[in-house]
Amino acid sequence: MQEHTGRPTAYSRVTLSRIMTAVDVNLYGTVHGGVIMKFIDDVAGAAAARHTGGTAVTAAIDEILFLEPLRVGDLVHAYAQVNWTGSTSMEVGVRLVAQRWDEVADPVVVATAYLVFVAVDADGKPRRVPPVVPDSPENEGRWREAEIRREHRLSRRDAIQRHRQR
């Protein structure tokens, strides 16, 4: 099996931008959470694919925080990067920032998320991923926090499995 060389965090960074339209809104007049979730998954998938050099699929969503509502006309930028890698999986962090169309103000962070992706081959089987190499103290912190989230995710899964076996 081929050994992968590490890639710096910056290698995986992706930005997607879009303007929210009337088809994106819910009954309350703000952008539907599902639209935001899909946008988050799209940018995270692009970062995972860039890092791995191939197909990566969503395995889990650890957390999505909706911090501020989005409205029709808002220009939204989604920023994503790989924070952590295992042998076949990786965590991707996402931040959504909105520029309000009707205000002269600083951009607003509207959502953050952490997703887990697994790299797969042409047959859909997991494949090895190159390690991510944190390229700054901030990204080293993100790596450590991703390990904590992974530990919690695996612990929760094990506890649920033990409970179901009773």
N, C-alpha and C. Protein backbone atom coordinates (compact mmCIF):
# COMPACT_ATOMS: atom_id res chain seq x y z
N MET A 1 0.84 -1.19 0.00
CA MET A 1 0.00 0.00 0.00
C MET A 1 0.88 1.25 0.00
N GLN A 2 0.48 2.23 -0.76
CA GLN A 2 1.25 3.47 -0.89
C GLN A 2 1.10 4.32 0.37
N GLU A 3 2.22 4.82 0.86
CA GLU A 3 2.21 5.71 2.03
C GLU A 3 1.97 7.15 1.57
N HIS A 4 1.09 7.85 2.27
CA HIS A 4 0.78 9.23 1.91
C HIS A 4 1.69 10.21 2.64
N THR A 5 2.06 11.26 1.95
CA THR A 5 2.76 12.35 2.62
C THR A 5 1.71 13.33 3.13
N GLY A 6 2.06 14.05 4.18
CA GLY A 6 1.11 14.98 4.77
C GLY A 6 0.87 16.20 3.89
N ARG A 7 -0.29 16.81 4.10
CA ARG A 7 -0.65 18.03 3.40
C ARG A 7 -1.01 19.08 4.44
N PRO A 8 -0.53 20.31 4.25
CA PRO A 8 -0.86 21.35 5.22
C PRO A 8 -2.37 21.65 5.22
N THR A 9 -2.85 22.15 6.33
CA THR A 9 -4.26 22.49 6.46
C THR A 9 -4.71 23.38 5.31
N ALA A 10 -3.89 24.35 4.95
CA ALA A 10 -4.26 25.30 3.90
C ALA A 10 -4.56 24.62 2.57
N TYR A 11 -3.99 23.45 2.32
CA TYR A 11 -4.21 22.74 1.06
C TYR A 11 -5.68 22.44 0.82
N SER A 12 -6.41 22.14 1.89
CA SER A 12 -7.81 21.71 1.75
C SER A 12 -8.80 22.86 1.74
N ARG A 13 -8.36 24.07 2.01
CA ARG A 13 -9.31 25.19 2.17
C ARG A 13 -10.12 25.45 0.90
N VAL A 14 -11.43 25.62 1.12
CA VAL A 14 -12.36 25.89 0.03
C VAL A 14 -13.31 26.99 0.49
N THR A 15 -13.68 27.87 -0.45
CA THR A 15 -14.71 28.88 -0.19
C THR A 15 -15.76 28.77 -1.29
N LEU A 16 -17.02 28.67 -0.89
CA LEU A 16 -18.14 28.74 -1.82
C LEU A 16 -18.98 29.94 -1.41
N SER A 17 -19.54 30.63 -2.39
CA SER A 17 -20.38 31.79 -2.09
C SER A 17 -21.66 31.70 -2.90
N ARG A 18 -22.74 32.20 -2.30
CA ARG A 18 -24.01 32.28 -3.03
C ARG A 18 -24.90 33.34 -2.41
N ILE A 19 -25.82 33.82 -3.23
CA ILE A 19 -26.82 34.77 -2.76
C ILE A 19 -28.08 34.00 -2.43
N MET A 20 -28.64 34.24 -1.26
CA MET A 20 -29.87 33.59 -0.84
C MET A 20 -31.05 34.20 -1.60
N THR A 21 -31.94 33.36 -2.10
CA THR A 21 -33.06 33.83 -2.91
C THR A 21 -34.39 33.45 -2.27
N ALA A 22 -35.47 33.88 -2.89
CA ALA A 22 -36.81 33.62 -2.36
C ALA A 22 -37.13 32.13 -2.28
N VAL A 23 -36.52 31.31 -3.14
CA VAL A 23 -36.79 29.86 -3.07
C VAL A 23 -36.13 29.20 -1.86
N ASP A 24 -35.25 29.93 -1.17
CA ASP A 24 -34.52 29.37 -0.03
C ASP A 24 -35.24 29.58 1.31
N VAL A 25 -36.31 30.38 1.34
CA VAL A 25 -36.89 30.77 2.63
C VAL A 25 -37.93 29.78 3.15
N ASN A 26 -38.09 29.82 4.47
CA ASN A 26 -39.09 29.00 5.15
C ASN A 26 -40.35 29.84 5.40
N LEU A 27 -41.27 29.32 6.17
CA LEU A 27 -42.52 30.02 6.46
C LEU A 27 -42.32 31.27 7.31
N TYR A 28 -41.17 31.40 7.94
CA TYR A 28 -40.89 32.56 8.80
C TYR A 28 -40.19 33.68 8.03
N GLY A 29 -39.88 33.45 6.75
CA GLY A 29 -39.24 34.48 5.95
C GLY A 29 -37.73 34.51 6.03
N THR A 30 -37.16 33.53 6.71
CA THR A 30 -35.70 33.42 6.77
C THR A 30 -35.29 32.16 6.00
N VAL A 31 -34.01 32.06 5.72
CA VAL A 31 -33.53 30.92 4.93
C VAL A 31 -33.72 29.63 5.72
N HIS A 32 -34.27 28.64 5.05
CA HIS A 32 -34.57 27.34 5.64
C HIS A 32 -33.29 26.66 6.13
N GLY A 33 -33.36 26.06 7.31
CA GLY A 33 -32.20 25.36 7.87
C GLY A 33 -31.66 24.28 6.97
N GLY A 34 -32.55 23.60 6.25
CA GLY A 34 -32.11 22.54 5.34
C GLY A 34 -31.27 23.08 4.19
N VAL A 35 -31.60 24.28 3.72
CA VAL A 35 -30.81 24.91 2.66
C VAL A 35 -29.40 25.20 3.18
N ILE A 36 -29.34 25.70 4.41
CA ILE A 36 -28.04 26.00 5.02
C ILE A 36 -27.25 24.71 5.23
N MET A 37 -27.93 23.65 5.69
CA MET A 37 -27.25 22.38 5.91
C MET A 37 -26.67 21.82 4.61
N LYS A 38 -27.42 21.92 3.52
CA LYS A 38 -26.90 21.43 2.24
C LYS A 38 -25.69 22.24 1.80
N PHE A 39 -25.75 23.55 1.97
CA PHE A 39 -24.62 24.41 1.60
C PHE A 39 -23.39 24.03 2.42
N ILE A 40 -23.58 23.79 3.71
CA ILE A 40 -22.49 23.35 4.59
C ILE A 40 -21.90 22.03 4.09
N ASP A 41 -22.77 21.07 3.77
CA ASP A 41 -22.30 19.76 3.31
C ASP A 41 -21.57 19.88 1.97
N ASP A 42 -22.06 20.76 1.09
CA ASP A 42 -21.40 20.95 -0.21
C ASP A 42 -19.97 21.47 -0.04
N VAL A 43 -19.79 22.51 0.77
CA VAL A 43 -18.45 23.09 0.91
C VAL A 43 -17.54 22.13 1.68
N ALA A 44 -18.08 21.42 2.67
CA ALA A 44 -17.26 20.45 3.41
C ALA A 44 -16.82 19.31 2.49
N GLY A 45 -17.73 18.86 1.63
CA GLY A 45 -17.39 17.79 0.68
C GLY A 45 -16.31 18.23 -0.29
N ALA A 46 -16.37 19.49 -0.70
CA ALA A 46 -15.33 20.00 -1.62
C ALA A 46 -13.97 20.03 -0.93
N ALA A 47 -13.94 20.44 0.35
CA ALA A 47 -12.67 20.47 1.09
C ALA A 47 -12.13 19.05 1.28
N ALA A 48 -13.02 18.11 1.62
CA ALA A 48 -12.60 16.72 1.81
C ALA A 48 -12.06 16.13 0.51
N ALA A 49 -12.75 16.40 -0.59
CA ALA A 49 -12.29 15.88 -1.89
C ALA A 49 -10.95 16.51 -2.29
N ARG A 50 -10.80 17.79 -2.02
CA ARG A 50 -9.53 18.45 -2.35
C ARG A 50 -8.40 17.82 -1.54
N HIS A 51 -8.64 17.60 -0.24
CA HIS A 51 -7.59 17.03 0.61
C HIS A 51 -7.21 15.62 0.17
N THR A 52 -8.23 14.80 -0.14
CA THR A 52 -7.96 13.40 -0.44
C THR A 52 -7.60 13.14 -1.90
N GLY A 53 -7.91 14.11 -2.77
CA GLY A 53 -7.65 13.90 -4.18
C GLY A 53 -8.62 12.94 -4.82
N GLY A 54 -9.80 12.79 -4.25
CA GLY A 54 -10.81 11.89 -4.80
C GLY A 54 -12.12 11.99 -4.03
N THR A 55 -12.93 10.98 -4.18
CA THR A 55 -14.25 10.98 -3.58
C THR A 55 -14.19 10.80 -2.07
N ALA A 56 -14.99 11.61 -1.39
CA ALA A 56 -15.17 11.47 0.06
C ALA A 56 -16.66 11.66 0.33
N VAL A 57 -17.21 10.87 1.23
CA VAL A 57 -18.64 10.91 1.52
C VAL A 57 -18.87 11.32 2.97
N THR A 58 -20.01 11.97 3.19
CA THR A 58 -20.38 12.40 4.54
C THR A 58 -20.70 11.17 5.38
N ALA A 59 -20.03 11.04 6.53
CA ALA A 59 -20.28 9.94 7.44
C ALA A 59 -21.05 10.39 8.68
N ALA A 60 -20.83 11.63 9.10
CA ALA A 60 -21.50 12.13 10.31
C ALA A 60 -21.45 13.65 10.31
N ILE A 61 -22.41 14.22 10.96
CA ILE A 61 -22.38 15.66 11.24
C ILE A 61 -22.35 15.77 12.75
N ASP A 62 -21.22 16.24 13.26
CA ASP A 62 -21.07 16.35 14.71
C ASP A 62 -21.88 17.49 15.28
N GLU A 63 -21.89 18.60 14.56
CA GLU A 63 -22.54 19.77 15.13
C GLU A 63 -22.79 20.81 14.04
N ILE A 64 -23.96 21.40 14.07
CA ILE A 64 -24.23 22.60 13.29
C ILE A 64 -24.86 23.60 14.26
N LEU A 65 -24.27 24.76 14.33
CA LEU A 65 -24.83 25.84 15.15
C LEU A 65 -25.34 26.93 14.23
N PHE A 66 -26.61 27.25 14.37
CA PHE A 66 -27.21 28.36 13.63
C PHE A 66 -27.15 29.56 14.55
N LEU A 67 -26.30 30.52 14.23
CA LEU A 67 -26.03 31.64 15.13
C LEU A 67 -26.86 32.87 14.83
N GLU A 68 -27.14 33.11 13.56
CA GLU A 68 -27.92 34.28 13.12
C GLU A 68 -28.77 33.85 11.93
N PRO A 69 -29.96 34.42 11.76
CA PRO A 69 -30.76 34.06 10.60
C PRO A 69 -30.18 34.63 9.31
N LEU A 70 -30.42 33.90 8.23
CA LEU A 70 -30.09 34.37 6.90
C LEU A 70 -31.38 34.86 6.25
N ARG A 71 -31.25 35.85 5.37
CA ARG A 71 -32.42 36.42 4.71
C ARG A 71 -32.20 36.45 3.21
N VAL A 72 -33.29 36.61 2.48
CA VAL A 72 -33.21 36.76 1.03
C VAL A 72 -32.31 37.95 0.72
N GLY A 73 -31.42 37.75 -0.23
CA GLY A 73 -30.50 38.80 -0.65
C GLY A 73 -29.15 38.76 0.02
N ASP A 74 -29.03 38.04 1.14
CA ASP A 74 -27.74 37.94 1.81
C ASP A 74 -26.74 37.19 0.92
N LEU A 75 -25.54 37.72 0.85
CA LEU A 75 -24.45 37.04 0.17
C LEU A 75 -23.72 36.22 1.24
N VAL A 76 -23.70 34.91 1.06
CA VAL A 76 -23.15 34.01 2.08
C VAL A 76 -21.89 33.35 1.55
N HIS A 77 -20.84 33.40 2.35
CA HIS A 77 -19.57 32.75 2.04
C HIS A 77 -19.41 31.58 3.00
N ALA A 78 -19.15 30.41 2.46
CA ALA A 78 -18.92 29.21 3.27
C ALA A 78 -17.44 28.86 3.17
N TYR A 79 -16.77 28.82 4.32
CA TYR A 79 -15.34 28.50 4.39
C TYR A 79 -15.18 27.13 5.04
N ALA A 80 -14.38 26.26 4.43
CA ALA A 80 -14.18 24.92 4.97
C ALA A 80 -12.73 24.52 4.88
N GLN A 81 -12.32 23.66 5.82
CA GLN A 81 -10.98 23.08 5.78
C GLN A 81 -10.97 21.78 6.57
N VAL A 82 -10.05 20.90 6.22
CA VAL A 82 -9.86 19.66 6.98
C VAL A 82 -9.09 20.01 8.24
N ASN A 83 -9.67 19.67 9.39
CA ASN A 83 -9.05 19.95 10.69
C ASN A 83 -8.25 18.77 11.23
N TRP A 84 -8.66 17.55 10.87
CA TRP A 84 -8.09 16.35 11.47
C TRP A 84 -8.24 15.21 10.48
N THR A 85 -7.28 14.29 10.48
CA THR A 85 -7.39 13.08 9.67
C THR A 85 -7.07 11.85 10.49
N GLY A 86 -7.77 10.77 10.18
CA GLY A 86 -7.45 9.45 10.69
C GLY A 86 -6.87 8.66 9.54
N SER A 87 -7.12 7.36 9.52
CA SER A 87 -6.58 6.57 8.41
C SER A 87 -7.47 6.68 7.16
N THR A 88 -8.79 6.67 7.33
CA THR A 88 -9.69 6.79 6.18
C THR A 88 -10.70 7.92 6.35
N SER A 89 -10.76 8.50 7.53
CA SER A 89 -11.75 9.55 7.80
C SER A 89 -11.07 10.87 8.11
N MET A 90 -11.88 11.93 8.09
CA MET A 90 -11.36 13.26 8.40
C MET A 90 -12.49 14.12 8.93
N GLU A 91 -12.13 15.11 9.74
CA GLU A 91 -13.10 16.10 10.18
C GLU A 91 -12.91 17.36 9.36
N VAL A 92 -14.01 17.93 8.90
CA VAL A 92 -14.00 19.19 8.17
C VAL A 92 -14.76 20.22 8.99
N GLY A 93 -14.13 21.36 9.22
CA GLY A 93 -14.78 22.47 9.90
C GLY A 93 -15.31 23.47 8.87
N VAL A 94 -16.49 24.02 9.15
CA VAL A 94 -17.13 24.97 8.23
C VAL A 94 -17.59 26.20 9.00
N ARG A 95 -17.43 27.36 8.37
CA ARG A 95 -17.93 28.63 8.92
C ARG A 95 -18.66 29.36 7.82
N LEU A 96 -19.91 29.78 8.09
CA LEU A 96 -20.69 30.57 7.14
C LEU A 96 -20.74 32.01 7.60
N VAL A 97 -20.43 32.91 6.68
CA VAL A 97 -20.40 34.34 6.96
C VAL A 97 -21.31 35.04 5.96
N ALA A 98 -22.17 35.93 6.45
CA ALA A 98 -23.11 36.64 5.58
C ALA A 98 -22.78 38.11 5.48
N GLN A 99 -22.92 38.61 4.27
CA GLN A 99 -22.89 40.05 4.04
C GLN A 99 -24.33 40.44 3.75
N ARG A 100 -24.89 41.30 4.59
CA ARG A 100 -26.29 41.70 4.44
C ARG A 100 -26.41 42.63 3.24
N TRP A 101 -27.38 42.39 2.42
CA TRP A 101 -27.56 43.20 1.21
C TRP A 101 -28.08 44.60 1.52
N ASP A 102 -28.75 44.73 2.65
CA ASP A 102 -29.41 46.00 2.95
C ASP A 102 -28.74 46.79 4.08
N GLU A 103 -27.52 46.41 4.44
CA GLU A 103 -26.80 47.10 5.52
C GLU A 103 -25.35 47.34 5.10
N VAL A 104 -24.80 48.43 5.55
CA VAL A 104 -23.36 48.64 5.42
C VAL A 104 -22.80 48.28 6.79
N ALA A 105 -22.34 47.05 6.90
CA ALA A 105 -21.86 46.55 8.19
C ALA A 105 -20.85 45.45 7.93
N ASP A 106 -20.14 45.09 8.99
CA ASP A 106 -19.20 43.98 8.89
C ASP A 106 -19.95 42.69 8.62
N PRO A 107 -19.31 41.75 7.93
CA PRO A 107 -19.94 40.43 7.73
C PRO A 107 -20.24 39.77 9.08
N VAL A 108 -21.28 38.93 9.09
CA VAL A 108 -21.76 38.29 10.30
C VAL A 108 -21.58 36.78 10.18
N VAL A 109 -21.00 36.15 11.21
CA VAL A 109 -20.92 34.68 11.24
C VAL A 109 -22.33 34.17 11.54
N VAL A 110 -22.88 33.38 10.63
CA VAL A 110 -24.26 32.92 10.78
C VAL A 110 -24.36 31.44 11.17
N ALA A 111 -23.31 30.65 10.92
CA ALA A 111 -23.35 29.24 11.28
C ALA A 111 -21.94 28.67 11.32
N THR A 112 -21.77 27.63 12.13
CA THR A 112 -20.54 26.86 12.15
C THR A 112 -20.92 25.38 12.20
N ALA A 113 -20.02 24.53 11.73
CA ALA A 113 -20.33 23.10 11.70
C ALA A 113 -19.06 22.27 11.66
N TYR A 114 -19.20 21.02 12.12
CA TYR A 114 -18.14 20.03 12.03
C TYR A 114 -18.74 18.76 11.43
N LEU A 115 -18.13 18.29 10.36
CA LEU A 115 -18.61 17.10 9.66
C LEU A 115 -17.49 16.09 9.55
N VAL A 116 -17.86 14.81 9.50
CA VAL A 116 -16.90 13.73 9.33
C VAL A 116 -17.12 13.13 7.95
N PHE A 117 -16.03 13.00 7.20
CA PHE A 117 -16.07 12.40 5.87
C PHE A 117 -15.17 11.18 5.85
N VAL A 118 -15.53 10.23 4.98
CA VAL A 118 -14.70 9.05 4.74
C VAL A 118 -14.34 9.04 3.27
N ALA A 119 -13.07 8.86 2.98
CA ALA A 119 -12.61 8.75 1.60
C ALA A 119 -12.96 7.36 1.09
N VAL A 120 -13.49 7.30 -0.13
CA VAL A 120 -13.86 6.00 -0.70
C VAL A 120 -13.26 5.84 -2.09
N ASP A 121 -13.05 4.57 -2.46
CA ASP A 121 -12.52 4.27 -3.79
C ASP A 121 -13.68 4.09 -4.77
N ALA A 122 -13.37 3.66 -5.99
CA ALA A 122 -14.39 3.52 -7.04
C ALA A 122 -15.46 2.50 -6.68
N ASP A 123 -15.13 1.56 -5.78
CA ASP A 123 -16.10 0.54 -5.36
C ASP A 123 -16.85 0.96 -4.09
N GLY A 124 -16.59 2.17 -3.61
CA GLY A 124 -17.27 2.64 -2.41
C GLY A 124 -16.66 2.13 -1.11
N LYS A 125 -15.48 1.55 -1.20
CA LYS A 125 -14.78 1.04 -0.01
C LYS A 125 -13.87 2.14 0.55
N PRO A 126 -13.77 2.21 1.87
CA PRO A 126 -12.88 3.22 2.47
C PRO A 126 -11.45 3.08 1.96
N ARG A 127 -10.81 4.23 1.77
CA ARG A 127 -9.41 4.25 1.33
C ARG A 127 -8.63 5.20 2.22
N ARG A 128 -7.34 5.01 2.26
CA ARG A 128 -6.47 5.84 3.11
C ARG A 128 -6.47 7.29 2.64
N VAL A 129 -6.35 8.18 3.62
CA VAL A 129 -6.26 9.61 3.31
C VAL A 129 -4.89 10.13 3.72
N PRO A 130 -4.41 11.15 3.02
CA PRO A 130 -3.15 11.76 3.45
C PRO A 130 -3.36 12.46 4.79
N PRO A 131 -2.38 12.41 5.67
CA PRO A 131 -2.53 13.13 6.93
C PRO A 131 -2.58 14.64 6.68
N VAL A 132 -3.36 15.33 7.50
CA VAL A 132 -3.35 16.79 7.46
C VAL A 132 -2.28 17.24 8.45
N VAL A 133 -1.51 18.22 8.07
CA VAL A 133 -0.44 18.75 8.92
C VAL A 133 -0.83 20.17 9.32
N PRO A 134 -1.22 20.38 10.59
CA PRO A 134 -1.59 21.73 11.02
C PRO A 134 -0.45 22.70 10.73
N ASP A 135 -0.81 23.83 10.09
CA ASP A 135 0.21 24.78 9.64
C ASP A 135 0.23 26.08 10.44
N SER A 136 -0.41 26.06 11.61
CA SER A 136 -0.40 27.24 12.49
C SER A 136 -0.81 26.79 13.89
N PRO A 137 -0.52 27.58 14.90
CA PRO A 137 -0.99 27.24 16.25
C PRO A 137 -2.51 27.12 16.32
N GLU A 138 -3.21 27.97 15.57
CA GLU A 138 -4.69 27.90 15.54
C GLU A 138 -5.15 26.56 14.98
N ASN A 139 -4.50 26.08 13.92
CA ASN A 139 -4.88 24.80 13.33
C ASN A 139 -4.44 23.62 14.19
N GLU A 140 -3.39 23.78 14.97
CA GLU A 140 -3.03 22.74 15.94
C GLU A 140 -4.13 22.62 16.99
N GLY A 141 -4.69 23.75 17.41
CA GLY A 141 -5.81 23.74 18.36
C GLY A 141 -7.03 23.07 17.75
N ARG A 142 -7.31 23.35 16.49
CA ARG A 142 -8.44 22.71 15.81
C ARG A 142 -8.25 21.19 15.75
N TRP A 143 -7.01 20.76 15.51
CA TRP A 143 -6.70 19.32 15.48
C TRP A 143 -7.04 18.69 16.84
N ARG A 144 -6.57 19.31 17.91
CA ARG A 144 -6.82 18.76 19.25
C ARG A 144 -8.32 18.75 19.57
N GLU A 145 -9.04 19.80 19.21
CA GLU A 145 -10.48 19.85 19.45
C GLU A 145 -11.20 18.78 18.63
N ALA A 146 -10.73 18.52 17.41
CA ALA A 146 -11.33 17.48 16.58
C ALA A 146 -11.14 16.11 17.21
N GLU A 147 -9.97 15.89 17.83
CA GLU A 147 -9.75 14.61 18.52
C GLU A 147 -10.71 14.44 19.69
N ILE A 148 -11.01 15.54 20.39
CA ILE A 148 -11.98 15.48 21.50
C ILE A 148 -13.36 15.12 20.96
N ARG A 149 -13.78 15.77 19.86
CA ARG A 149 -15.08 15.45 19.28
C ARG A 149 -15.14 13.99 18.83
N ARG A 150 -14.05 13.51 18.24
CA ARG A 150 -14.01 12.10 17.80
C ARG A 150 -14.13 11.15 18.99
N GLU A 151 -13.39 11.45 20.04
CA GLU A 151 -13.46 10.64 21.26
C GLU A 151 -14.89 10.59 21.80
N HIS A 152 -15.55 11.73 21.84
CA HIS A 152 -16.93 11.79 22.33
C HIS A 152 -17.88 11.02 21.41
N ARG A 153 -17.69 11.16 20.11
CA ARG A 153 -18.55 10.48 19.14
C ARG A 153 -18.43 8.96 19.30
N LEU A 154 -17.19 8.47 19.41
CA LEU A 154 -16.98 7.03 19.55
C LEU A 154 -17.47 6.51 20.90
N SER A 155 -17.26 7.29 21.93
CA SER A 155 -17.72 6.90 23.27
C SER A 155 -19.25 6.83 23.32
N ARG A 156 -19.91 7.82 22.72
CA ARG A 156 -21.37 7.84 22.67
C ARG A 156 -21.89 6.62 21.90
N ARG A 157 -21.27 6.33 20.76
CA ARG A 157 -21.68 5.18 19.96
C ARG A 157 -21.53 3.88 20.76
N ASP A 158 -20.39 3.72 21.45
CA ASP A 158 -20.17 2.52 22.26
C ASP A 158 -21.19 2.40 23.39
N ALA A 159 -21.50 3.51 24.06
CA ALA A 159 -22.47 3.50 25.16
C ALA A 159 -23.86 3.11 24.64
N ILE A 160 -24.23 3.61 23.50
CA ILE A 160 -25.54 3.26 22.92
C ILE A 160 -25.58 1.78 22.54
N GLN A 161 -24.49 1.27 21.96
CA GLN A 161 -24.44 -0.14 21.60
C GLN A 161 -24.53 -1.04 22.83
N ARG A 162 -23.84 -0.66 23.91
CA ARG A 162 -23.92 -1.42 25.16
C ARG A 162 -25.35 -1.40 25.70
N HIS A 163 -25.99 -0.25 25.66
CA HIS A 163 -27.37 -0.12 26.15
C HIS A 163 -28.32 -1.02 25.35
N ARG A 164 -28.15 -1.08 24.05
CA ARG A 164 -29.02 -1.88 23.19
C ARG A 164 -28.82 -3.38 23.40
N GLN A 165 -27.67 -3.78 23.93
CA GLN A 165 -27.39 -5.21 24.14
C GLN A 165 -27.96 -5.73 25.44
N ARG A 166 -28.52 -4.84 26.25
CA ARG A 166 -29.08 -5.29 27.54
C ARG A 166 -30.29 -6.15 27.35
